[in-house]
Amino acid sequence: LLHISINDLQVLLLKVALLLGVEVLLGVDYVATDWSSSGPGQSRSWTVSLQPGPGMSDAEGRAEVETGFSRASAPPSPRAPRAFHDVSVLMGASGFGSPVGRDAGMSEKEGDHLRKESAIGLICNFTRRRGPNEAMLRSFSMARQFYARLFQQAARASGANLENIVYTKSHRSHYFVMTPTRESLVASGVVINRNYQPLLARENVDFEKLDVLVREVVAFPFIEGQQAVHAALVADGHGEAPTYADGGPRLFDFSQMKRSADGLTFVRPPPDQRSPNSDDDLLVALVGDSLVEPFWPEGLGIIRGFLGVLDACFAVSQWAVGQSNSAVLAGFDEAYVRLKTLNAATRACVLQSDERRFALAPWTRYRAS
């Protein structure tokens, strides 16, 4: 996972899902879940309503970070239903602030991060030029903790001391997201006053110097044997400087990360309409960034995402074979405690050492607490 781009990973997982017979609907948004019937004379069940939409975004508008990807432009699937009936399991995977979790009454809380300094993100998009040099570029994702020497070289060359960087070549643009330290932004003059609040207020950012800093970073060759993105675009543009595909680079603060307090819950029908047993309950789970908002410099978002999905699927499998709601919740909570403590420093203590033995059951992946 350290050597694959986000887009490549998405395509790989999509192909596997399609081979397994998963139906994928594009261009539709989740609306709501309710206990209703599909028509006159039909019994009530859990119904998930959908609507055509531009793509999922979270409650705080952070979907703008994804502007380099093509997911928001997908037209609605021609045969996408307006509702799914007889739903037993529902998972939210649309990023933090998932409406699926909110509808199920799941609460959010601030995550625990052992750091005092600001966590700053920088995103930018450069316009595609469709030239031969650009065609040779490959997407990449890197964190300083895994490539310390390379990031030191990049800092000396660009003036930006980065904690991580992600580059994606989409069909529309060259998309970068990176995390420069506060001190390097102050030292380069991008941040005018280190004590200004909020630090990244528009009047406290020198956008000309931000433009210079971004271009210096993009001009650094992060991948051995591959042209820097800036050099490839200049070559394909016959010496012309690359242009932005949007309004230019943007800075944002993500120091306060959040996570779901629950992760998994059961929703029961209205009291006057439920059966004595739990057959009518709806299992709702959150996975990926909907479960734990990733702290980018850690470089563990994808790893946590995979583990969280496996935990949720194991809970579903146990419920399907007859385990009680309370037993399923207890098992999931135990795994979630381990997942929440996973970071670069604790990885060896939290996870089993032999990844080849990882399976659906949590004990094949997590060490005993």
Foldseek 3Di string as FASTA:
>chain_A
DQWAAPVVVVVVVVVVCVVVPHDDWAQKDWDAWAFQAPDPPGHTAIKTFIDGAQAFDAPVRPCVLVVQADRSVDGTDPPDDRMDGRAAEAEFERFARTPLCVNQVWDKDWADDPDDFFWKKKKFWFFDLPDPLLVPDHWGKDACVVVVVLLVVLCVQQLFNWGIKTWDNYPTTIMIMTTGGLVSCVVLCQQPDSPDPVRQPPVRGDQVSVQSSVLSNQQDPSDPPGGRPQVSVCVSVVNDGIDTPDPGMDMDTDRTWMFTPQQKDKDAHPPVRGDPACPRIHIYGYAQNRGTPDSRSQVCRVVLRVQSVLLVVVLVVVVVVPDHRVVSSVQSVQLVVLSSPDTPVCPPQFFDPDPVQDDSRSCSTTDDD
